[in-house]
Amino acid sequence: MQYDYLCPTCHGHLRIGDKIVLSAKTIENEQGLIFLNPELGNYTTEHHPSFGIKEGDELYYYCPVCHKTLNLEDNKKLVKIFMRDKKGEEFEIFFSGIAGEKCTYRIRDKEVTTYGPDVERYQRYFDLPEEYKKYL
């Protein structure tokens, strides 16, 4: 099934063809575009070779439409976008903003589906009530 991916702020479309397009910045202030595979659990990415991303780098992701940050305010290492299926049902998608970490969380109606070998790294975040997440 083909899904649309959307910015949680402006609901701008982030998928073009077979890629999710996001803007990103490293802690060292290097900036560029990143193309993600839209298949949940597939961690193939593409970026320009001069955008020097190294495994373990913490990245800040932005919507290429409205330029708002996609990293969570209470946990900057997690990134949030929306996914919409053909029926119009929306899911929250969270993934790690750390280069090389392989974990994705799909949430709808408080049901969490996980993908990737590193899902345990942030599982506590999704198990806690909202008011306690800021303490992680």
N, C-alpha and C. Protein backbone atom coordinates (compact mmCIF):
# COMPACT_ATOMS: atom_id res chain seq x y z
N MET A 1 0.84 -1.18 0.00
CA MET A 1 0.00 0.00 0.00
C MET A 1 0.89 1.24 0.00
N GLN A 2 0.54 2.21 -0.80
CA GLN A 2 1.29 3.45 -0.88
C GLN A 2 0.73 4.45 0.13
N TYR A 3 1.63 5.11 0.86
CA TYR A 3 1.24 6.07 1.87
C TYR A 3 1.73 7.46 1.51
N ASP A 4 1.00 8.47 1.97
CA ASP A 4 1.47 9.84 1.91
C ASP A 4 2.14 10.15 3.23
N TYR A 5 3.18 10.97 3.20
CA TYR A 5 3.85 11.42 4.41
C TYR A 5 3.71 12.92 4.47
N LEU A 6 3.37 13.43 5.68
CA LEU A 6 3.00 14.82 5.84
C LEU A 6 3.74 15.47 7.00
N CYS A 7 3.95 16.76 6.90
CA CYS A 7 4.49 17.55 7.99
C CYS A 7 3.42 17.68 9.07
N PRO A 8 3.77 17.48 10.35
CA PRO A 8 2.78 17.63 11.41
C PRO A 8 2.34 19.08 11.64
N THR A 9 3.08 20.04 11.14
CA THR A 9 2.72 21.45 11.32
C THR A 9 1.87 21.97 10.18
N CYS A 10 2.37 21.88 8.94
CA CYS A 10 1.66 22.48 7.79
C CYS A 10 0.89 21.46 6.95
N HIS A 11 1.05 20.19 7.24
CA HIS A 11 0.47 19.09 6.47
C HIS A 11 0.93 19.10 5.00
N GLY A 12 2.07 19.72 4.75
CA GLY A 12 2.67 19.68 3.42
C GLY A 12 3.14 18.27 3.11
N HIS A 13 3.06 17.89 1.85
CA HIS A 13 3.47 16.55 1.44
C HIS A 13 4.99 16.45 1.42
N LEU A 14 5.51 15.38 2.03
CA LEU A 14 6.95 15.15 2.14
C LEU A 14 7.44 14.06 1.20
N ARG A 15 6.52 13.34 0.58
CA ARG A 15 6.91 12.24 -0.31
C ARG A 15 6.84 12.70 -1.75
N ILE A 16 7.94 12.43 -2.46
CA ILE A 16 7.99 12.66 -3.90
C ILE A 16 8.47 11.35 -4.51
N GLY A 17 7.64 10.75 -5.34
CA GLY A 17 8.00 9.46 -5.95
C GLY A 17 8.19 8.42 -4.87
N ASP A 18 9.36 7.81 -4.86
CA ASP A 18 9.64 6.76 -3.88
C ASP A 18 10.58 7.22 -2.77
N LYS A 19 10.55 8.51 -2.43
CA LYS A 19 11.40 9.06 -1.37
C LYS A 19 10.62 10.03 -0.50
N ILE A 20 10.98 10.08 0.79
CA ILE A 20 10.54 11.13 1.69
C ILE A 20 11.65 12.16 1.70
N VAL A 21 11.32 13.41 1.46
CA VAL A 21 12.31 14.48 1.36
C VAL A 21 12.24 15.34 2.62
N LEU A 22 13.38 15.43 3.33
CA LEU A 22 13.47 16.26 4.52
C LEU A 22 14.72 17.12 4.45
N SER A 23 14.67 18.26 5.10
CA SER A 23 15.84 19.11 5.26
C SER A 23 16.46 18.75 6.61
N ALA A 24 17.78 18.82 6.70
CA ALA A 24 18.45 18.44 7.95
C ALA A 24 19.65 19.33 8.21
N LYS A 25 20.04 19.37 9.50
CA LYS A 25 21.21 20.14 9.91
C LYS A 25 21.93 19.36 11.00
N THR A 26 23.25 19.36 10.96
CA THR A 26 24.05 18.71 11.99
C THR A 26 24.33 19.70 13.13
N ILE A 27 24.86 19.20 14.23
CA ILE A 27 25.23 20.06 15.35
C ILE A 27 26.31 21.06 14.91
N GLU A 28 27.13 20.66 13.93
CA GLU A 28 28.18 21.55 13.40
C GLU A 28 27.62 22.56 12.40
N ASN A 29 26.31 22.58 12.23
CA ASN A 29 25.60 23.53 11.35
C ASN A 29 25.74 23.21 9.85
N GLU A 30 26.15 22.01 9.50
CA GLU A 30 26.11 21.59 8.09
C GLU A 30 24.65 21.31 7.75
N GLN A 31 24.23 21.73 6.55
CA GLN A 31 22.84 21.58 6.15
C GLN A 31 22.72 20.88 4.81
N GLY A 32 21.60 20.20 4.62
CA GLY A 32 21.35 19.54 3.34
C GLY A 32 20.01 18.85 3.33
N LEU A 33 19.72 18.23 2.22
CA LEU A 33 18.49 17.45 2.07
C LEU A 33 18.82 15.98 2.28
N ILE A 34 17.86 15.27 2.84
CA ILE A 34 17.99 13.82 3.04
C ILE A 34 16.76 13.17 2.42
N PHE A 35 16.99 12.10 1.68
CA PHE A 35 15.91 11.30 1.11
C PHE A 35 15.82 10.01 1.90
N LEU A 36 14.66 9.74 2.46
CA LEU A 36 14.42 8.53 3.24
C LEU A 36 13.55 7.57 2.44
N ASN A 37 13.73 6.29 2.67
CA ASN A 37 12.87 5.29 2.07
C ASN A 37 11.53 5.31 2.79
N PRO A 38 10.40 5.34 2.09
CA PRO A 38 9.10 5.41 2.76
C PRO A 38 8.62 4.11 3.38
N GLU A 39 9.30 3.00 3.11
CA GLU A 39 8.92 1.72 3.69
C GLU A 39 9.40 1.68 5.14
N LEU A 40 8.46 1.55 6.08
CA LEU A 40 8.82 1.51 7.50
C LEU A 40 9.73 0.31 7.76
N GLY A 41 10.85 0.57 8.42
CA GLY A 41 11.83 -0.48 8.68
C GLY A 41 12.94 -0.55 7.66
N ASN A 42 12.84 0.20 6.56
CA ASN A 42 13.91 0.28 5.56
C ASN A 42 14.67 1.57 5.84
N TYR A 43 15.93 1.46 6.22
CA TYR A 43 16.70 2.62 6.66
C TYR A 43 17.69 3.14 5.61
N THR A 44 17.37 2.88 4.36
CA THR A 44 18.17 3.40 3.26
C THR A 44 17.96 4.91 3.16
N THR A 45 19.04 5.67 3.12
CA THR A 45 18.95 7.12 2.97
C THR A 45 19.89 7.57 1.86
N GLU A 46 19.61 8.75 1.34
CA GLU A 46 20.48 9.37 0.34
C GLU A 46 20.66 10.83 0.72
N HIS A 47 21.87 11.34 0.48
CA HIS A 47 22.14 12.76 0.66
C HIS A 47 23.37 13.09 -0.18
N HIS A 48 23.58 14.36 -0.42
CA HIS A 48 24.72 14.79 -1.22
C HIS A 48 26.02 14.41 -0.49
N PRO A 49 27.03 13.94 -1.21
CA PRO A 49 28.28 13.53 -0.56
C PRO A 49 28.95 14.64 0.25
N SER A 50 28.73 15.89 -0.12
CA SER A 50 29.36 16.97 0.64
C SER A 50 28.64 17.25 1.97
N PHE A 51 27.45 16.70 2.15
CA PHE A 51 26.73 16.83 3.42
C PHE A 51 27.28 15.73 4.32
N GLY A 52 28.29 16.08 5.10
CA GLY A 52 29.09 15.11 5.85
C GLY A 52 28.42 14.51 7.06
N ILE A 53 27.50 13.60 6.85
CA ILE A 53 26.83 12.92 7.96
C ILE A 53 27.64 11.67 8.30
N LYS A 54 27.95 11.54 9.61
CA LYS A 54 28.66 10.37 10.10
C LYS A 54 27.75 9.59 11.06
N GLU A 55 27.97 8.29 11.12
CA GLU A 55 27.21 7.45 12.05
C GLU A 55 27.34 8.02 13.46
N GLY A 56 26.20 8.17 14.13
CA GLY A 56 26.18 8.70 15.49
C GLY A 56 25.91 10.20 15.55
N ASP A 57 25.93 10.90 14.40
CA ASP A 57 25.64 12.33 14.39
C ASP A 57 24.18 12.58 14.77
N GLU A 58 23.97 13.57 15.62
CA GLU A 58 22.61 13.99 15.96
C GLU A 58 22.16 15.01 14.92
N LEU A 59 21.05 14.72 14.26
CA LEU A 59 20.55 15.58 13.20
C LEU A 59 19.26 16.27 13.65
N TYR A 60 19.09 17.48 13.17
CA TYR A 60 17.85 18.21 13.37
C TYR A 60 17.14 18.25 12.02
N TYR A 61 15.92 17.75 12.01
CA TYR A 61 15.15 17.64 10.78
C TYR A 61 14.13 18.76 10.68
N TYR A 62 13.88 19.21 9.44
CA TYR A 62 12.94 20.30 9.18
C TYR A 62 12.06 19.94 7.99
N CYS A 63 10.85 20.47 8.01
CA CYS A 63 9.96 20.33 6.87
C CYS A 63 10.50 21.18 5.73
N PRO A 64 10.65 20.61 4.53
CA PRO A 64 11.14 21.40 3.40
C PRO A 64 10.07 22.37 2.86
N VAL A 65 8.85 22.27 3.34
CA VAL A 65 7.77 23.16 2.90
C VAL A 65 7.67 24.39 3.81
N CYS A 66 7.47 24.16 5.12
CA CYS A 66 7.28 25.28 6.06
C CYS A 66 8.50 25.57 6.92
N HIS A 67 9.50 24.70 6.86
CA HIS A 67 10.78 24.85 7.57
C HIS A 67 10.68 24.72 9.08
N LYS A 68 9.57 24.22 9.60
CA LYS A 68 9.43 23.99 11.05
C LYS A 68 10.20 22.74 11.43
N THR A 69 10.70 22.74 12.66
CA THR A 69 11.45 21.59 13.14
C THR A 69 10.54 20.37 13.29
N LEU A 70 11.08 19.20 12.98
CA LEU A 70 10.36 17.94 13.11
C LEU A 70 10.82 17.15 14.33
N ASN A 71 11.93 17.58 14.95
CA ASN A 71 12.40 16.93 16.18
C ASN A 71 11.44 17.30 17.30
N LEU A 72 11.19 16.35 18.20
CA LEU A 72 10.28 16.60 19.32
C LEU A 72 10.89 17.63 20.27
N GLU A 73 10.04 18.43 20.83
CA GLU A 73 10.50 19.45 21.78
C GLU A 73 11.01 18.81 23.06
N ASP A 74 10.35 17.76 23.53
CA ASP A 74 10.73 17.14 24.79
C ASP A 74 11.72 15.98 24.64
N ASN A 75 12.07 15.62 23.42
CA ASN A 75 13.11 14.62 23.17
C ASN A 75 13.67 14.87 21.77
N LYS A 76 14.69 15.70 21.69
CA LYS A 76 15.25 16.16 20.42
C LYS A 76 15.81 15.03 19.56
N LYS A 77 16.03 13.85 20.15
CA LYS A 77 16.57 12.73 19.38
C LYS A 77 15.51 12.00 18.57
N LEU A 78 14.23 12.33 18.79
CA LEU A 78 13.14 11.72 18.05
C LEU A 78 12.53 12.73 17.08
N VAL A 79 12.15 12.22 15.91
CA VAL A 79 11.58 13.03 14.83
C VAL A 79 10.16 12.53 14.58
N LYS A 80 9.24 13.47 14.30
CA LYS A 80 7.85 13.09 14.08
C LYS A 80 7.34 13.62 12.75
N ILE A 81 6.68 12.72 12.00
CA ILE A 81 5.94 13.10 10.80
C ILE A 81 4.62 12.32 10.82
N PHE A 82 3.71 12.63 9.91
CA PHE A 82 2.47 11.89 9.78
C PHE A 82 2.51 11.02 8.53
N MET A 83 1.79 9.90 8.60
CA MET A 83 1.62 9.01 7.46
C MET A 83 0.12 8.84 7.26
N ARG A 84 -0.34 8.95 6.01
CA ARG A 84 -1.77 8.81 5.69
C ARG A 84 -1.94 7.70 4.67
N ASP A 85 -2.89 6.79 4.95
CA ASP A 85 -3.14 5.71 4.00
C ASP A 85 -4.21 6.14 2.99
N LYS A 86 -4.52 5.25 2.06
CA LYS A 86 -5.48 5.55 0.98
C LYS A 86 -6.88 5.85 1.51
N LYS A 87 -7.21 5.33 2.70
CA LYS A 87 -8.53 5.56 3.30
C LYS A 87 -8.59 6.91 4.03
N GLY A 88 -7.46 7.60 4.12
CA GLY A 88 -7.41 8.87 4.83
C GLY A 88 -7.08 8.76 6.30
N GLU A 89 -6.79 7.55 6.76
CA GLU A 89 -6.43 7.36 8.17
C GLU A 89 -4.99 7.81 8.38
N GLU A 90 -4.75 8.57 9.47
CA GLU A 90 -3.42 9.08 9.75
C GLU A 90 -2.77 8.34 10.91
N PHE A 91 -1.47 8.18 10.80
CA PHE A 91 -0.64 7.58 11.82
C PHE A 91 0.46 8.57 12.19
N GLU A 92 0.87 8.57 13.43
CA GLU A 92 2.06 9.33 13.82
C GLU A 92 3.26 8.42 13.59
N ILE A 93 4.28 8.94 12.95
CA ILE A 93 5.50 8.19 12.72
C ILE A 93 6.63 8.90 13.47
N PHE A 94 7.34 8.16 14.29
CA PHE A 94 8.49 8.68 15.01
C PHE A 94 9.70 7.86 14.60
N PHE A 95 10.84 8.52 14.40
CA PHE A 95 12.07 7.80 14.12
C PHE A 95 13.23 8.53 14.76
N SER A 96 14.34 7.83 14.91
CA SER A 96 15.51 8.41 15.55
C SER A 96 16.16 9.44 14.64
N GLY A 97 16.56 10.56 15.22
CA GLY A 97 17.30 11.59 14.51
C GLY A 97 18.81 11.38 14.60
N ILE A 98 19.23 10.26 15.14
CA ILE A 98 20.66 9.94 15.23
C ILE A 98 21.04 9.09 14.02
N ALA A 99 22.01 9.57 13.26
CA ALA A 99 22.45 8.83 12.05
C ALA A 99 22.92 7.43 12.44
N GLY A 100 22.37 6.45 11.77
CA GLY A 100 22.75 5.06 12.01
C GLY A 100 21.85 4.31 12.97
N GLU A 101 21.06 5.01 13.79
CA GLU A 101 20.11 4.32 14.66
C GLU A 101 18.92 3.88 13.83
N LYS A 102 18.50 2.65 14.03
CA LYS A 102 17.43 2.07 13.23
C LYS A 102 16.24 1.75 14.13
N CYS A 103 15.38 2.73 14.27
CA CYS A 103 14.17 2.52 15.05
C CYS A 103 13.07 3.45 14.55
N THR A 104 11.90 2.88 14.38
CA THR A 104 10.73 3.62 13.91
C THR A 104 9.53 3.14 14.72
N TYR A 105 8.63 4.08 15.03
CA TYR A 105 7.43 3.80 15.81
C TYR A 105 6.23 4.36 15.05
N ARG A 106 5.26 3.51 14.79
CA ARG A 106 4.02 3.93 14.13
C ARG A 106 2.91 3.87 15.18
N ILE A 107 2.21 4.99 15.37
CA ILE A 107 1.22 5.07 16.44
C ILE A 107 -0.13 5.53 15.88
N ARG A 108 -1.15 4.82 16.29
CA ARG A 108 -2.53 5.22 15.97
C ARG A 108 -3.40 4.71 17.11
N ASP A 109 -4.22 5.59 17.67
CA ASP A 109 -5.11 5.23 18.78
C ASP A 109 -4.36 4.55 19.92
N LYS A 110 -3.20 5.09 20.27
CA LYS A 110 -2.35 4.61 21.37
C LYS A 110 -1.76 3.22 21.12
N GLU A 111 -1.94 2.66 19.93
CA GLU A 111 -1.33 1.38 19.59
C GLU A 111 -0.01 1.66 18.89
N VAL A 112 1.08 1.12 19.44
CA VAL A 112 2.42 1.36 18.92
C VAL A 112 2.91 0.12 18.19
N THR A 113 3.32 0.31 16.93
CA THR A 113 3.97 -0.74 16.15
C THR A 113 5.41 -0.30 15.94
N THR A 114 6.36 -1.19 16.21
CA THR A 114 7.78 -0.82 16.13
C THR A 114 8.46 -1.51 14.97
N TYR A 115 9.53 -0.85 14.49
CA TYR A 115 10.36 -1.37 13.39
C TYR A 115 11.81 -1.07 13.72
N GLY A 116 12.69 -2.00 13.38
CA GLY A 116 14.12 -1.78 13.50
C GLY A 116 14.74 -2.39 14.73
N PRO A 117 16.05 -2.68 14.65
CA PRO A 117 16.74 -3.35 15.75
C PRO A 117 17.01 -2.47 16.97
N ASP A 118 16.88 -1.16 16.86
CA ASP A 118 17.19 -0.27 17.98
C ASP A 118 15.95 0.27 18.70
N VAL A 119 14.79 -0.37 18.52
CA VAL A 119 13.54 0.17 19.08
C VAL A 119 13.54 0.27 20.60
N GLU A 120 14.29 -0.57 21.27
CA GLU A 120 14.33 -0.52 22.74
C GLU A 120 14.91 0.79 23.25
N ARG A 121 15.72 1.45 22.44
CA ARG A 121 16.40 2.67 22.86
C ARG A 121 15.42 3.77 23.30
N TYR A 122 14.28 3.88 22.64
CA TYR A 122 13.30 4.94 22.96
C TYR A 122 11.96 4.39 23.40
N GLN A 123 11.85 3.10 23.62
CA GLN A 123 10.57 2.49 23.97
C GLN A 123 9.96 3.11 25.22
N ARG A 124 10.78 3.45 26.21
CA ARG A 124 10.26 4.07 27.44
C ARG A 124 9.48 5.34 27.15
N TYR A 125 9.93 6.10 26.16
CA TYR A 125 9.26 7.35 25.81
C TYR A 125 7.79 7.09 25.44
N PHE A 126 7.53 6.03 24.73
CA PHE A 126 6.18 5.73 24.27
C PHE A 126 5.34 5.01 25.32
N ASP A 127 6.00 4.46 26.34
CA ASP A 127 5.28 3.78 27.41
C ASP A 127 4.83 4.73 28.52
N LEU A 128 5.43 5.91 28.60
CA LEU A 128 5.13 6.86 29.67
C LEU A 128 3.91 7.73 29.36
N PRO A 129 3.20 8.15 30.39
CA PRO A 129 2.14 9.15 30.18
C PRO A 129 2.77 10.47 29.72
N GLU A 130 2.03 11.25 28.98
CA GLU A 130 2.53 12.51 28.38
C GLU A 130 3.22 13.41 29.39
N GLU A 131 2.67 13.55 30.59
CA GLU A 131 3.22 14.52 31.54
C GLU A 131 4.60 14.14 32.06
N TYR A 132 5.02 12.89 31.87
CA TYR A 132 6.33 12.47 32.37
C TYR A 132 7.41 12.43 31.28
N LYS A 133 7.04 12.54 30.04
CA LYS A 133 8.00 12.41 28.93
C LYS A 133 9.08 13.48 28.98
N LYS A 134 8.77 14.64 29.49
CA LYS A 134 9.76 15.73 29.52
C LYS A 134 10.93 15.41 30.45
N TYR A 135 10.79 14.41 31.33
CA TYR A 135 11.86 14.07 32.26
C TYR A 135 12.85 13.04 31.72
N LEU A 136 12.57 12.50 30.54
CA LEU A 136 13.49 11.50 29.96
C LEU A 136 14.73 12.15 29.41
